């Protein structure tokens, strides 16, 4: 993933990083993260 930092806000950057991590993280860890942060 390539992100140009100047045009990207902090909130959008946070979302991009989390989504990229969720894509690569072990499923168990990603599920635990989502349950803790998003109440899924």
N, C-alpha and C. Protein backbone atom coordinates (compact mmCIF):
# COMPACT_ATOMS: atom_id res chain seq x y z
N UNK A 1 0.84 -1.16 0.00
CA UNK A 1 0.00 0.00 0.00
C UNK A 1 0.90 1.23 0.00
N UNK A 2 0.53 2.19 -0.80
CA UNK A 2 1.25 3.46 -0.87
C UNK A 2 0.28 4.57 -0.50
N UNK A 3 0.67 5.38 0.47
CA UNK A 3 -0.19 6.48 0.92
C UNK A 3 0.64 7.75 0.92
N UNK A 4 0.14 8.78 0.24
CA UNK A 4 0.77 10.08 0.28
C UNK A 4 0.27 10.78 1.54
N UNK A 5 1.18 11.10 2.44
CA UNK A 5 0.78 11.59 3.75
C UNK A 5 0.20 12.99 3.74
N UNK A 6 0.65 13.85 2.84
CA UNK A 6 0.15 15.22 2.83
C UNK A 6 -1.37 15.31 2.62
N UNK A 7 -1.93 14.61 1.62
CA UNK A 7 -3.37 14.75 1.41
C UNK A 7 -4.25 13.87 2.32
N UNK A 8 -3.63 13.04 3.15
CA UNK A 8 -4.40 12.13 3.99
C UNK A 8 -4.47 12.66 5.41
N UNK A 9 -5.68 12.70 5.95
CA UNK A 9 -5.86 13.15 7.33
C UNK A 9 -5.52 12.03 8.31
N UNK A 10 -5.42 12.39 9.57
CA UNK A 10 -5.06 11.43 10.62
C UNK A 10 -6.09 10.32 10.73
N UNK A 11 -7.36 10.66 10.68
CA UNK A 11 -8.42 9.66 10.79
C UNK A 11 -8.37 8.67 9.64
N UNK A 12 -8.20 9.18 8.43
CA UNK A 12 -8.13 8.30 7.26
C UNK A 12 -6.88 7.42 7.31
N UNK A 13 -5.76 7.99 7.74
CA UNK A 13 -4.53 7.21 7.87
C UNK A 13 -4.71 6.09 8.89
N UNK A 14 -5.35 6.40 10.01
CA UNK A 14 -5.63 5.39 11.03
C UNK A 14 -6.46 4.25 10.44
N UNK A 15 -7.51 4.59 9.71
CA UNK A 15 -8.37 3.58 9.09
C UNK A 15 -7.59 2.72 8.10
N UNK A 16 -6.75 3.35 7.29
CA UNK A 16 -5.95 2.61 6.31
C UNK A 16 -4.99 1.64 6.98
N UNK A 17 -4.34 2.10 8.04
CA UNK A 17 -3.39 1.24 8.74
C UNK A 17 -4.09 0.06 9.42
N UNK A 18 -5.23 0.32 10.04
CA UNK A 18 -5.98 -0.75 10.69
C UNK A 18 -6.46 -1.77 9.66
N UNK A 19 -7.02 -1.29 8.56
CA UNK A 19 -7.51 -2.20 7.52
C UNK A 19 -6.37 -3.03 6.93
N UNK A 20 -5.22 -2.42 6.72
CA UNK A 20 -4.06 -3.16 6.20
C UNK A 20 -3.61 -4.21 7.21
N UNK A 21 -3.59 -3.84 8.49
CA UNK A 21 -3.18 -4.79 9.53
C UNK A 21 -4.18 -5.94 9.61
N UNK A 22 -5.49 -5.63 9.58
CA UNK A 22 -6.51 -6.67 9.64
C UNK A 22 -6.38 -7.65 8.49
N UNK A 23 -5.97 -7.15 7.35
CA UNK A 23 -5.80 -8.00 6.17
C UNK A 23 -4.66 -9.00 6.36
N UNK A 24 -3.63 -8.64 7.11
CA UNK A 24 -2.44 -9.48 7.26
C UNK A 24 -2.35 -10.19 8.61
N UNK A 25 -3.12 -9.76 9.58
CA UNK A 25 -3.04 -10.31 10.94
C UNK A 25 -3.64 -11.72 10.98
N UNK A 26 -3.19 -12.54 11.94
CA UNK A 26 -3.84 -13.84 12.15
C UNK A 26 -5.33 -13.62 12.44
N UNK A 27 -6.16 -14.50 11.91
CA UNK A 27 -7.61 -14.33 12.03
C UNK A 27 -8.06 -14.22 13.48
N UNK A 28 -7.48 -15.00 14.36
CA UNK A 28 -7.85 -14.96 15.78
C UNK A 28 -7.59 -13.58 16.37
N UNK A 29 -6.44 -13.02 16.05
CA UNK A 29 -6.07 -11.70 16.55
C UNK A 29 -6.96 -10.61 15.96
N UNK A 30 -7.22 -10.70 14.66
CA UNK A 30 -8.08 -9.72 14.00
C UNK A 30 -9.49 -9.76 14.59
N UNK A 31 -10.02 -10.96 14.82
CA UNK A 31 -11.35 -11.10 15.39
C UNK A 31 -11.41 -10.49 16.79
N UNK A 32 -10.41 -10.76 17.61
CA UNK A 32 -10.35 -10.21 18.97
C UNK A 32 -10.29 -8.69 18.92
N UNK A 33 -9.51 -8.16 18.01
CA UNK A 33 -9.39 -6.70 17.88
C UNK A 33 -10.75 -6.09 17.51
N UNK A 34 -11.41 -6.68 16.52
CA UNK A 34 -12.70 -6.16 16.07
C UNK A 34 -13.75 -6.25 17.17
N UNK A 35 -13.76 -7.33 17.91
CA UNK A 35 -14.73 -7.48 19.00
C UNK A 35 -14.49 -6.42 20.08
N UNK A 36 -13.23 -6.14 20.36
CA UNK A 36 -12.89 -5.19 21.41
C UNK A 36 -13.15 -3.74 20.98
N UNK A 37 -12.90 -3.42 19.71
CA UNK A 37 -12.98 -2.03 19.29
C UNK A 37 -14.28 -1.67 18.59
N UNK A 38 -14.91 -2.62 17.96
CA UNK A 38 -16.11 -2.30 17.17
C UNK A 38 -17.36 -3.02 17.65
N UNK A 39 -17.22 -3.84 18.65
CA UNK A 39 -18.38 -4.54 19.20
C UNK A 39 -19.02 -5.53 18.24
N UNK A 40 -18.25 -6.09 17.31
CA UNK A 40 -18.79 -7.06 16.33
C UNK A 40 -19.07 -8.39 16.99
